[in-house]
Structures are given as C-alpha cells and as structure tokens.
Amino acid sequence: MPSEPSTFYKHATIITINPAREVILDGGVLVTGSRIVGVGKTSSFPPSFLPQNTKTITLKGRILIPGLINTHSHLAQSLLRGLAEDLPLHSWLCDSIWPLEASYDTDDGYFAARLTIAEMLKSGTTCFLESMLTHRSGFENVVRAVEESGIRACLGKLVKFEESNKELNITDPRDKDVASMSISSMLAAHEKHHGTFNGRLHVWAAAGTPRGSPLSSHLGIGEACKVRDIGLTMHCAEAPRDLAIYRESYGLTPMQFCHQAKLTGKKTVLAHMVHLDLEYDLPILEATGTTVAHNPNSNLKLASGIAKVPEMLEGGINVSLGTDGAPCGNTYDMFREMHLTSILHKGANLDAEFVGAEAVLEMATINGARALGLEGEIGSIEVGKKADFVVVKPGLNAAPWDEGQVALGGLNPMTVVVYSCSGSEVEMVVVDGEVLVSEGKLVKMDEGEVIEAAKRTIQGIRERSGVKAVNRKGWKYV
C-alpha cells in the first residue's frame, strides 16, 4: 500500500493556539495525509527527518494560524445579500427573509451554498456550523456543495413548529413545509450523512426559536439529541423583546427554558444571547458547558444590541464567533468579525483592555472547535490534529510587519492578524491536509462560475417571492 503524501510548510510565523500558547518564529509544519505530524522550528526538520518525496512550501514573511471556525452561519442566505437592508429584526424576517427562503426551488440551495463556501474559504474559514438549514434549501444540495469544495462542515437541519404566538403577529411562510422539518427528518439526515467525506461532514439539529410553542416540543428535540449525542444549535435571546417573551410565555429566563428543555450541554451552541438575565443565565451556561456564538456584526446591523461577552468570558463560558447570514452581516469574513469583536467591547465598556486580540483569536479557533466537540481534531496547530490551517500574507495595511523584529519588541503577530488583517490577506487555506486556496485563488472551485450561477439563481427566487430591495429614500435610478 503506497504511503500517504507529505508536505512541509517552512519558515512561517506559527500562532499555534496550543495549550502553552506558543508562537513559533521561523516555524515549520509537517503534514502527512490529513494530519499534522510535526510542528517546531524549521531548523528542527533536517532533510533526513522528512519522509521521502516530501513536498516543500516556503512561507517566509507569512503568518500561519489554525483554520477559522464560523459557529453561526446561514449558507443559503448568501443569495439574499442586500435585499433586506436597514430593517429591524421583525420586519427583516417576516417581510423579506422568510418569504425569500420559502421560494427556493430545486438546486437554489446548492448554488447558494457554493457561493457561501467559496467566500468562507477565500477568507480563511476552514470549518463552519450551519445554524438553520431550511427545507427549501435542500439538505442534499448543501451536502453536495460541502463534498465538492473540501471544507469541513456541521450542518444544522432545522427542526421547527408552526408559529403559534398570535400576539407577536408572526407569520412564517416556511411553515408550509413544517412536516419536513421534524425530529424524524433530522434523525434521518444524521443517519445518512454524519461522518461522511473522511469525517469532514457532521449533522446537527437546529432548533427553531421558542416564541410561545410548548416547552415540551423543544424537550423532544433536546432528548432526541442527548440520546444520540447529536450537536444542537439554536437562535436564543437575540432581539430586545426576547427576554420578555421567555418570561411571559414560560415564566422562565432564556437559559432556564433551555435547561428544562434539555437543550444545554457541551455540544450545544446558542447564537446571539444578547438579552439574558445575567444573574440566572450565566451560571447555567458555565455549569452546563454550553457555548455562546457571538455575532457582533449582525447584532449591531439589526439593532439587536451587544452581548455581554466580557462577563461571559470572565465567568468561564465558552464564547465562539459567527458571521450570521449575508442579509444581515453582509459578508462571511471571519477576520471582519474578529476585528469588530476586538473593538466593540472596549468601546461599550470604556475599557481598552477588554477582549484583547489573543482572546478574540481563541474565540475564532480553539473555542469554536470546543463548541463543535472537535477540539481534539481542529482549532490549534498540534501534532496529531487535522491539518486545517490558514496562511496569511500581511500586506500594506499591516506594514511594517517583520517576523525578525518580533522577539525584539516588534509587532505582535496576534494583533497583526486581528487588528490589521482582513480576509483579503489570506494566501493559502488547507483543510484535511488538502490545499483549497493557493495564492489567494480557489483550487477546486471556479469563482467566476460560482458568481454567475448565483446571479441567475436569485432572479428566480425574487420573482417567485415578490420581494425586492427597497429603494433608498431620496435616491433615483436613471
């Protein structure tokens, strides 16, 4: 049987995020097959140490980081970018996003997923959690896109119940497919697809947001996931009204509801978590090991508020990062989320030391891996882990970056990555040992074709839904 191919990546600054939090100057990473088999100084890898026929890639002047992990994203929504701008959450959902999502047909979800994945890969995301894969998007469509692209994915199949809270005046046109968004359909998808593509694909449950439906309904989701060790994600306490809805509908805080419904745990990711009862909810989050997926960009764009991330981190809660979907976050660039996270909480708390670059980079890597139950496989550059990493080439906006000056008090590579870089500085992306982005270009996908397919697809969705972007006040198209 032929041996697996090996590649040696040398002369990089390596931010390992390992338990010792080592930054290796002039470092090397040896990959055999899909795993990292060596990490250290480039000088510690003499030619005699390397396996026969090892390919060598020189990364001088580059920073190598663990692959970024997006723990809250909507793959099918990339097509809806720009169609629901400057709207409050209620109108954004009811008048635009839900009618559009209910109008997807045939391969629409496939073309949307390709567009999202292409953007994620080019901006350094190697693994993501799809937070609410709707029926019309087509689960098989997204599975197909994941297989072809080479990215690592956790796909949350939506389990929801018909909107029942009449006082909120919410009508969800997606409810016409509610029978196909059942616990049994989620379990069938898990049975068929979980662990496929060399373990790159995981199937999760995505619980619909509680808005007055019986707690017992969500308990059914929680119990089904607990018995089978299935990961679970849910939008929770996102909008200003949500805390009151939990109290009025259930007599509970958001986390009291989640805990009673067995939705909490080490493989639970609760997105947003902006409007909590801190006295009761933070201790439950910490005690259960439940993760909070922080989405600062969309929370600000939709005027949802600012999550109490410093308090969560201080309380020992695992906080990861997400981009949300393109209609509210506009991009799937995790560098953008890292930068915003790093400055938002300083300004909100009038404390420049809050949530520093190192903490933010951990949120985007190892904390994300822990959120997905994959910290033993990804999230840091360590021997034995999957070879999921990103190579950043700091440009003009990060100058005068110079690795040789780091040990002498020069630029800190963590602050360079978080404060100065963007997705456009990503030069190479490796997932499962396979190079998916090289010299800033997609290897397995045709970017131009992906964009053109997306343009054709959204035209049909708009026509079927009747939803159009609202003209800006005082502006005319001539």
Protein backbone atom coordinates (compact mmCIF):
# COMPACT_ATOMS: atom_id res chain seq x y z
CA MET A 1 0.00 0.00 0.00
CA PRO A 2 1.54 3.38 -1.01
CA SER A 3 2.40 5.79 1.79
CA GLU A 4 0.38 8.97 2.23
CA PRO A 5 1.89 12.12 0.68
CA SER A 6 3.71 14.58 2.93
CA THR A 7 4.12 18.35 2.71
CA PHE A 8 6.47 20.51 4.77
CA TYR A 9 5.44 24.15 5.28
CA LYS A 10 8.51 26.07 6.45
CA HIS A 11 9.81 29.49 7.52
CA ALA A 12 6.44 30.79 8.80
CA THR A 13 5.44 32.56 11.99
CA ILE A 14 3.13 29.97 13.56
CA ILE A 15 0.47 31.02 16.06
CA THR A 16 -0.23 27.55 17.43
CA ILE A 17 -3.05 28.21 19.96
CA ASN A 18 -1.69 25.08 21.67
CA PRO A 19 -2.11 24.71 25.48
CA ALA A 20 1.19 26.53 26.04
CA ARG A 21 0.06 29.29 23.64
CA GLU A 22 3.35 29.14 21.75
CA VAL A 23 4.20 31.38 18.82
CA ILE A 24 6.95 29.75 16.78
CA LEU A 25 9.21 32.11 14.85
CA ASP A 26 10.67 30.66 11.66
CA GLY A 27 8.49 27.62 12.22
CA GLY A 28 7.59 24.55 10.22
CA VAL A 29 4.57 22.26 9.99
CA LEU A 30 4.88 18.76 8.57
CA VAL A 31 1.67 17.24 7.21
CA THR A 32 1.22 13.63 6.18
CA GLY A 33 -2.11 12.77 4.65
CA SER A 34 -4.78 14.71 6.53
CA ARG A 35 -2.88 15.18 9.80
CA ILE A 36 -0.12 17.27 11.33
CA VAL A 37 2.82 15.03 12.21
CA GLY A 38 5.38 17.66 13.16
CA VAL A 39 5.45 21.25 14.49
CA GLY A 40 8.54 23.23 15.50
CA LYS A 41 11.37 25.41 14.35
CA THR A 42 12.19 24.99 10.69
CA SER A 43 15.74 24.08 11.74
CA SER A 44 14.38 21.08 13.67
CA PHE A 45 13.30 19.44 10.40
CA PRO A 46 16.53 18.49 8.56
CA PRO A 47 16.06 16.86 5.14
CA SER A 48 16.94 13.48 6.63
CA PHE A 49 13.97 13.79 9.01
CA LEU A 50 11.41 14.36 6.27
CA PRO A 51 9.64 11.41 4.61
CA GLN A 52 10.82 10.52 1.12
CA ASN A 53 9.36 12.70 -1.67
CA THR A 54 8.08 15.33 0.77
CA LYS A 55 6.83 18.45 -0.99
CA THR A 56 8.22 21.69 0.49
CA ILE A 57 6.41 25.04 0.58
CA THR A 58 8.25 28.14 1.81
CA LEU A 59 6.19 30.66 3.78
CA LYS A 60 8.73 33.33 4.69
CA GLY A 61 7.02 36.56 5.74
CA ARG A 62 3.72 34.77 6.32
CA ILE A 63 1.72 34.05 9.48
CA LEU A 64 0.24 30.56 9.83
CA ILE A 65 -2.82 30.23 12.07
CA PRO A 66 -5.34 27.48 12.81
CA GLY A 67 -8.28 27.48 10.41
CA LEU A 68 -11.02 29.90 11.44
CA ILE A 69 -14.24 28.28 12.69
CA ASN A 70 -17.54 30.03 12.00
CA THR A 71 -20.05 28.78 14.58
CA HIS A 72 -23.11 30.64 13.31
CA SER A 73 -23.79 30.93 9.60
CA HIS A 74 -26.66 30.60 7.12
CA LEU A 75 -25.33 29.06 3.91
CA ALA A 76 -28.42 29.53 1.78
CA GLN A 77 -28.73 33.23 2.63
CA SER A 78 -25.72 34.40 0.62
CA LEU A 79 -28.05 34.84 -2.37
CA LEU A 80 -30.19 37.27 -0.36
CA ARG A 81 -27.41 39.77 0.26
CA GLY A 82 -28.63 43.37 0.00
CA LEU A 83 -32.35 42.54 -0.15
CA ALA A 84 -33.27 43.46 3.43
CA GLU A 85 -31.10 46.38 4.44
CA ASP A 86 -31.67 48.74 7.38
CA LEU A 87 -34.69 46.87 8.73
CA PRO A 88 -35.49 45.88 12.34
CA LEU A 89 -35.40 42.13 13.00
CA HIS A 90 -39.18 41.57 12.91
CA SER A 91 -39.67 43.23 9.51
CA TRP A 92 -36.40 41.77 8.24
CA LEU A 93 -37.65 38.24 8.94
CA CYS A 94 -41.36 38.44 8.19
CA ASP A 95 -41.36 40.75 5.18
CA SER A 96 -38.15 39.68 3.45
CA ILE A 97 -36.06 36.74 4.60
CA TRP A 98 -38.73 34.14 5.33
CA PRO A 99 -40.72 34.79 2.11
CA LEU A 100 -37.49 34.59 0.13
CA GLU A 101 -36.36 31.36 1.82
CA ALA A 102 -39.80 29.85 1.22
CA SER A 103 -39.35 30.48 -2.52
CA TYR A 104 -36.18 28.43 -3.02
CA ASP A 105 -36.56 25.66 -5.60
CA THR A 106 -34.60 22.65 -6.95
CA ASP A 107 -30.86 23.50 -6.95
CA ASP A 108 -31.11 27.02 -5.49
CA GLY A 109 -29.65 25.89 -2.16
CA TYR A 110 -26.72 24.27 -3.92
CA PHE A 111 -25.78 27.44 -5.78
CA ALA A 112 -26.19 29.46 -2.57
CA ALA A 113 -24.04 27.06 -0.56
CA ARG A 114 -21.28 27.15 -3.18
CA LEU A 115 -21.26 30.95 -3.07
CA THR A 116 -21.02 30.99 0.73
CA ILE A 117 -18.37 28.28 0.92
CA ALA A 118 -16.24 29.99 -1.74
CA GLU A 119 -16.29 33.22 0.26
CA MET A 120 -15.58 31.39 3.52
CA LEU A 121 -12.59 29.54 2.11
CA LYS A 122 -11.06 32.60 0.48
CA SER A 123 -11.32 34.49 3.78
CA GLY A 124 -9.82 31.75 5.94
CA THR A 125 -12.75 29.74 7.30
CA THR A 126 -12.00 26.01 7.29
CA CYS A 127 -14.99 24.79 9.32
CA PHE A 128 -18.49 26.16 9.90
CA LEU A 129 -21.75 25.44 11.70
CA GLU A 130 -24.82 25.93 9.53
CA SER A 131 -27.31 27.22 12.06
CA MET A 132 -30.69 26.67 10.39
CA LEU A 133 -30.81 24.71 7.15
CA THR A 134 -34.38 25.15 5.91
CA HIS A 135 -36.31 22.54 3.93
CA ARG A 136 -36.43 24.52 0.69
CA SER A 137 -32.65 24.97 0.70
CA GLY A 138 -32.38 21.22 0.29
CA PHE A 139 -30.17 19.30 2.70
CA GLU A 140 -28.76 17.20 -0.12
CA ASN A 141 -27.90 20.39 -2.02
CA VAL A 142 -25.67 21.62 0.77
CA VAL A 143 -24.13 18.19 1.37
CA ARG A 144 -23.16 18.15 -2.31
CA ALA A 145 -21.53 21.59 -2.05
CA VAL A 146 -19.56 20.55 1.05
CA GLU A 147 -18.33 17.38 -0.64
CA GLU A 148 -17.16 19.19 -3.78
CA SER A 149 -15.49 22.11 -2.01
CA GLY A 150 -13.43 20.19 0.57
CA ILE A 151 -14.48 22.38 3.52
CA ARG A 152 -15.28 20.97 6.97
CA ALA A 153 -18.92 21.43 8.00
CA CYS A 154 -21.50 20.89 10.71
CA LEU A 155 -24.93 21.17 9.09
CA GLY A 156 -27.78 22.07 11.42
CA LYS A 157 -31.03 20.69 9.98
CA LEU A 158 -33.92 22.89 11.08
CA VAL A 159 -36.50 21.37 13.41
CA LYS A 160 -39.38 23.76 13.95
CA PHE A 161 -43.03 24.04 14.82
CA GLU A 162 -45.70 26.20 13.29
CA GLU A 163 -45.67 29.77 14.62
CA SER A 164 -48.26 29.83 17.39
CA ASN A 165 -47.84 33.11 19.27
CA LYS A 166 -50.62 35.26 17.78
CA GLU A 167 -49.70 38.23 19.97
CA LEU A 168 -46.39 38.59 18.12
CA ASN A 169 -48.17 38.81 14.75
CA ILE A 170 -45.62 36.48 13.16
CA THR A 171 -46.43 34.54 10.01
CA ASP A 172 -43.73 32.26 8.66
CA PRO A 173 -44.32 31.17 5.04
CA ARG A 174 -41.76 28.41 5.58
CA ASP A 175 -44.37 26.67 7.74
CA LYS A 176 -45.90 25.21 4.59
CA ASP A 177 -43.04 22.70 4.83
CA VAL A 178 -43.21 22.20 8.60
CA ALA A 179 -43.90 18.47 8.20
CA SER A 180 -40.48 18.13 6.53
CA MET A 181 -38.72 19.93 9.39
CA SER A 182 -39.48 17.29 12.02
CA ILE A 183 -37.28 15.48 14.53
CA SER A 184 -37.57 12.30 12.46
CA SER A 185 -36.34 14.04 9.29
CA MET A 186 -33.37 15.44 11.20
CA LEU A 187 -32.54 11.98 12.53
CA ALA A 188 -32.77 10.50 9.04
CA ALA A 189 -30.29 13.10 7.73
CA HIS A 190 -27.96 12.35 10.64
CA GLU A 191 -28.10 8.62 9.96
CA LYS A 192 -27.32 9.10 6.28
CA HIS A 193 -24.66 11.81 6.26
CA HIS A 194 -22.98 12.18 9.66
CA GLY A 195 -19.26 11.42 9.48
CA THR A 196 -19.06 11.25 5.71
CA PHE A 197 -16.25 12.63 3.49
CA ASN A 198 -13.44 11.38 5.75
CA GLY A 199 -15.25 12.83 8.76
CA ARG A 200 -15.49 16.34 7.28
CA LEU A 201 -19.29 16.43 7.47
CA HIS A 202 -21.23 16.38 10.73
CA VAL A 203 -25.01 16.62 11.02
CA TRP A 204 -26.52 18.70 13.79
CA ALA A 205 -30.02 19.66 14.88
CA ALA A 206 -31.07 23.29 14.58
CA ALA A 207 -33.98 24.05 16.88
CA GLY A 208 -36.41 26.77 15.89
CA THR A 209 -36.55 29.81 18.17
CA PRO A 210 -39.13 29.42 21.01
CA ARG A 211 -41.88 32.03 20.64
CA GLY A 212 -44.64 30.50 22.72
CA SER A 213 -44.72 26.96 21.38
CA PRO A 214 -44.92 24.34 24.16
CA LEU A 215 -41.72 23.71 26.09
CA SER A 216 -42.44 20.01 25.59
CA SER A 217 -41.86 20.41 21.85
CA HIS A 218 -38.31 21.65 22.42
CA LEU A 219 -37.83 18.99 25.09
CA GLY A 220 -38.44 16.42 22.35
CA ILE A 221 -35.56 17.91 20.34
CA GLY A 222 -33.29 18.02 23.38
CA GLU A 223 -33.97 14.44 24.37
CA ALA A 224 -33.50 13.13 20.82
CA CYS A 225 -30.09 14.83 20.60
CA LYS A 226 -28.96 13.75 24.06
CA VAL A 227 -29.72 10.06 23.42
CA ARG A 228 -27.74 10.06 20.16
CA ASP A 229 -25.01 12.59 21.07
CA ILE A 230 -26.12 14.92 18.28
CA GLY A 231 -24.93 18.52 18.34
CA LEU A 232 -27.65 21.14 18.73
CA THR A 233 -27.80 24.84 17.89
CA MET A 234 -30.49 27.48 18.32
CA HIS A 235 -31.02 31.23 18.00
CA CYS A 236 -31.61 32.45 21.54
CA ALA A 237 -32.34 35.79 23.23
CA GLU A 238 -31.38 37.73 20.12
CA ALA A 239 -33.86 40.62 19.98
CA PRO A 240 -34.71 43.13 22.74
CA ARG A 241 -38.21 41.62 23.12
CA ASP A 242 -36.97 38.04 23.53
CA LEU A 243 -36.27 38.15 27.27
CA ALA A 244 -39.83 39.31 27.90
CA ILE A 245 -41.20 36.56 25.61
CA TYR A 246 -39.44 33.87 27.66
CA ARG A 247 -40.74 35.35 30.88
CA GLU A 248 -44.32 35.92 29.66
CA SER A 249 -44.70 32.67 27.70
CA TYR A 250 -42.87 30.28 30.01
CA GLY A 251 -42.22 32.08 33.30
CA LEU A 252 -38.52 31.37 32.76
CA THR A 253 -35.31 33.09 31.72
CA PRO A 254 -33.82 32.03 28.35
CA MET A 255 -31.33 29.64 29.93
CA GLN A 256 -33.84 28.27 32.41
CA PHE A 257 -36.01 27.38 29.42
CA CYS A 258 -33.08 25.80 27.55
CA HIS A 259 -32.01 23.79 30.58
CA GLN A 260 -35.51 22.48 31.28
CA ALA A 261 -35.87 21.53 27.60
CA LYS A 262 -32.53 19.66 27.73
CA LEU A 263 -31.07 21.95 25.10
CA THR A 264 -27.92 22.75 27.09
CA GLY A 265 -24.61 20.89 27.08
CA LYS A 266 -21.09 20.73 25.70
CA LYS A 267 -22.36 20.14 22.16
CA THR A 268 -24.88 22.97 22.24
CA VAL A 269 -24.23 26.30 20.52
CA LEU A 270 -26.66 29.09 21.35
CA ALA A 271 -26.40 32.01 18.96
CA HIS A 272 -26.56 35.71 19.86
CA MET A 273 -27.53 35.58 23.57
CA VAL A 274 -27.81 39.35 23.73
CA HIS A 275 -30.76 39.71 26.12
CA LEU A 276 -30.19 37.46 29.11
CA ASP A 277 -30.95 37.57 32.80
CA LEU A 278 -27.30 37.61 33.81
CA GLU A 279 -27.96 36.59 37.41
CA TYR A 280 -29.58 33.30 36.41
CA ASP A 281 -28.39 32.63 32.87
CA LEU A 282 -24.61 32.97 33.11
CA PRO A 283 -24.27 30.32 35.87
CA ILE A 284 -26.33 27.85 33.80
CA LEU A 285 -24.18 28.47 30.74
CA GLU A 286 -21.00 27.90 32.74
CA ALA A 287 -22.25 24.83 34.64
CA THR A 288 -23.52 23.05 31.53
CA GLY A 289 -20.58 23.86 29.25
CA THR A 290 -22.92 25.43 26.71
CA THR A 291 -21.29 27.66 24.08
CA VAL A 292 -22.39 31.15 23.07
CA ALA A 293 -21.83 32.05 19.42
CA HIS A 294 -21.15 35.77 19.36
CA ASN A 295 -22.27 37.62 16.20
CA PRO A 296 -21.35 41.28 16.72
CA ASN A 297 -21.81 42.39 13.12
CA SER A 298 -25.39 41.19 12.67
CA ASN A 299 -26.38 42.15 16.23
CA LEU A 300 -25.37 45.73 15.51
CA LYS A 301 -26.79 45.80 11.96
CA LEU A 302 -30.22 44.60 13.13
CA ALA A 303 -30.09 46.83 16.25
CA SER A 304 -30.38 43.77 18.48
CA GLY A 305 -27.82 45.04 20.97
CA ILE A 306 -24.44 43.96 22.35
CA ALA A 307 -23.93 40.63 24.09
CA LYS A 308 -22.21 40.66 27.47
CA VAL A 309 -19.12 38.89 26.17
CA PRO A 310 -16.63 40.21 28.78
CA GLU A 311 -18.90 38.93 31.57
CA MET A 312 -19.25 35.57 29.80
CA LEU A 313 -15.50 35.15 29.37
CA GLU A 314 -14.90 36.20 32.97
CA GLY A 315 -17.48 33.60 34.04
CA GLY A 316 -15.67 30.76 32.28
CA ILE A 317 -18.21 30.43 29.46
CA ASN A 318 -17.02 29.20 26.08
CA VAL A 319 -17.61 32.01 23.58
CA SER A 320 -17.05 31.45 19.87
CA LEU A 321 -17.63 33.65 16.81
CA GLY A 322 -20.05 33.63 13.90
CA THR A 323 -20.83 35.78 10.90
CA ASP A 324 -24.57 35.05 10.72
CA GLY A 325 -26.05 35.29 7.21
CA ALA A 326 -25.33 37.67 4.34
CA PRO A 327 -28.66 39.59 4.53
CA CYS A 328 -27.74 40.93 7.98
CA GLY A 329 -23.96 40.53 8.23
CA ASN A 330 -23.27 41.17 4.54
CA THR A 331 -20.13 39.00 4.48
CA TYR A 332 -18.87 35.65 5.76
CA ASP A 333 -15.43 37.10 6.53
CA MET A 334 -14.36 35.94 9.99
CA PHE A 335 -11.49 38.46 10.03
CA ARG A 336 -14.15 41.16 9.96
CA GLU A 337 -15.92 39.56 12.94
CA MET A 338 -12.65 39.24 14.85
CA HIS A 339 -11.78 42.87 14.33
CA LEU A 340 -15.24 44.08 15.35
CA THR A 341 -15.26 41.86 18.44
CA SER A 342 -11.88 43.20 19.47
CA ILE A 343 -13.01 46.85 19.45
CA LEU A 344 -16.73 46.66 20.22
CA HIS A 345 -16.45 45.63 23.85
CA LYS A 346 -13.70 48.13 24.57
CA GLY A 347 -15.93 50.97 23.45
CA ALA A 348 -19.08 49.61 25.08
CA ASN A 349 -17.32 49.22 28.43
CA LEU A 350 -14.94 52.20 28.20
CA ASP A 351 -12.02 49.88 28.86
CA ALA A 352 -9.27 49.47 26.24
CA GLU A 353 -8.06 46.22 27.83
CA PHE A 354 -11.34 44.34 27.35
CA VAL A 355 -11.35 41.34 24.96
CA GLY A 356 -7.84 41.58 23.53
CA ALA A 357 -6.54 40.20 20.25
CA GLU A 358 -5.37 36.93 21.80
CA ALA A 359 -8.80 36.23 23.32
CA VAL A 360 -10.53 37.02 20.03
CA LEU A 361 -8.25 34.71 18.04
CA GLU A 362 -9.02 31.95 20.55
CA MET A 363 -12.74 32.59 20.09
CA ALA A 364 -12.34 32.14 16.33
CA THR A 365 -10.27 28.95 16.58
CA ILE A 366 -9.99 26.69 19.63
CA ASN A 367 -13.21 27.98 21.25
CA GLY A 368 -15.03 27.26 18.01
CA ALA A 369 -13.57 23.77 17.91
CA ARG A 370 -14.66 23.21 21.51
CA ALA A 371 -18.15 24.44 20.63
CA LEU A 372 -18.43 21.76 17.96
CA GLY A 373 -16.95 19.00 20.10
CA LEU A 374 -13.93 18.91 17.77
CA GLU A 375 -11.21 20.40 19.98
CA GLY A 376 -9.32 17.10 19.80
CA GLU A 377 -9.21 17.35 16.00
CA ILE A 378 -9.01 21.02 15.00
CA GLY A 379 -8.64 24.53 16.43
CA SER A 380 -4.88 24.57 17.04
CA ILE A 381 -1.62 23.64 15.34
CA GLU A 382 -0.58 20.49 17.18
CA VAL A 383 0.82 17.09 16.29
CA GLY A 384 -1.95 14.57 15.75
CA LYS A 385 -4.61 17.10 14.82
CA LYS A 386 -6.19 17.51 11.42
CA ALA A 387 -4.21 19.72 9.05
CA ASP A 388 -6.70 22.61 8.97
CA PHE A 389 -4.82 25.91 8.81
CA VAL A 390 -4.61 29.29 7.10
CA VAL A 391 -1.60 31.20 5.78
CA VAL A 392 -1.87 34.98 5.97
CA LYS A 393 0.38 37.31 4.00
CA PRO A 394 0.23 40.67 5.79
CA GLY A 395 0.10 43.47 3.26
CA LEU A 396 0.32 47.24 3.15
CA ASN A 397 -2.34 47.68 5.84
CA ALA A 398 -0.28 45.55 8.25
CA ALA A 399 3.15 47.05 7.47
CA PRO A 400 5.76 47.21 8.82
CA TRP A 401 5.24 43.56 9.85
CA ASP A 402 8.61 41.84 10.16
CA GLU A 403 8.93 38.47 11.87
CA GLY A 404 12.58 39.13 12.63
CA GLN A 405 11.62 42.05 14.88
CA VAL A 406 9.01 40.19 16.97
CA ALA A 407 11.41 38.92 19.60
CA LEU A 408 12.96 42.40 19.78
CA GLY A 409 9.70 44.11 20.67
CA GLY A 410 8.33 44.48 17.16
CA LEU A 411 4.77 43.92 16.03
CA ASN A 412 2.83 41.21 17.87
CA PRO A 413 1.58 38.65 15.29
CA MET A 414 -1.76 38.19 17.13
CA THR A 415 -2.51 41.90 16.94
CA VAL A 416 -1.42 41.97 13.29
CA VAL A 417 -3.92 39.22 12.43
CA VAL A 418 -6.86 40.54 14.48
CA TYR A 419 -6.44 44.32 14.23
CA SER A 420 -4.83 44.83 10.82
CA CYS A 421 -5.64 41.92 8.50
CA SER A 422 -8.78 41.03 6.56
CA GLY A 423 -9.87 38.07 4.53
CA SER A 424 -8.11 39.55 1.51
CA GLU A 425 -4.73 38.78 3.14
CA VAL A 426 -5.44 35.04 3.11
CA GLU A 427 -2.94 33.45 0.74
CA MET A 428 -3.42 29.74 1.42
CA VAL A 429 -6.05 27.55 3.08
CA VAL A 430 -5.54 23.88 3.95
CA VAL A 431 -8.37 21.59 5.11
CA ASP A 432 -7.88 17.92 5.97
CA GLY A 433 -4.39 18.22 4.52
CA GLU A 434 -5.65 19.41 1.14
CA VAL A 435 -4.78 22.85 -0.25
CA LEU A 436 -8.11 24.52 -1.12
CA VAL A 437 -6.82 28.08 -1.61
CA SER A 438 -3.44 28.79 -3.19
CA GLU A 439 -2.02 32.25 -3.88
CA GLY A 440 -5.41 33.66 -2.90
CA LYS A 441 -7.30 31.62 -5.50
CA LEU A 442 -9.75 28.75 -5.06
CA VAL A 443 -8.28 25.43 -6.15
CA LYS A 444 -11.39 23.25 -6.51
CA MET A 445 -13.97 25.89 -7.43
CA ASP A 446 -14.32 28.30 -10.35
CA GLU A 447 -15.02 31.63 -8.64
CA GLY A 448 -16.41 33.31 -11.76
CA GLU A 449 -18.79 30.45 -12.47
CA VAL A 450 -19.95 30.39 -8.84
CA ILE A 451 -20.82 34.11 -9.00
CA GLU A 452 -22.62 33.86 -12.36
CA ALA A 453 -24.71 30.91 -11.14
CA ALA A 454 -25.67 32.91 -8.05
CA LYS A 455 -26.81 35.86 -10.19
CA ARG A 456 -29.07 33.62 -12.27
CA THR A 457 -30.48 31.84 -9.22
CA ILE A 458 -31.51 34.88 -7.19
CA GLN A 459 -33.50 36.26 -10.12
CA GLY A 460 -35.89 33.30 -9.95
CA ILE A 461 -36.17 33.47 -6.16
CA ARG A 462 -37.04 37.17 -6.28
CA GLU A 463 -39.66 36.63 -8.96
CA ARG A 464 -41.36 33.79 -7.07
CA SER A 465 -41.32 35.59 -3.71
CA GLY A 466 -42.17 39.10 -4.92
CA VAL A 467 -39.59 40.52 -2.52
CA LYS A 468 -37.43 43.35 -3.82
CA ALA A 469 -34.81 45.56 -2.25
CA VAL A 470 -36.32 48.84 -1.11
CA ASN A 471 -35.09 51.95 -2.94
CA ARG A 472 -33.12 54.33 -0.75
CA LYS A 473 -35.01 57.45 0.22
CA GLY A 474 -34.16 60.40 -2.00
CA TRP A 475 -32.22 58.28 -4.49
CA LYS A 476 -33.33 57.50 -8.04
CA TYR A 477 -32.12 55.07 -10.67
CA VAL A 478 -31.99 56.77 -14.08
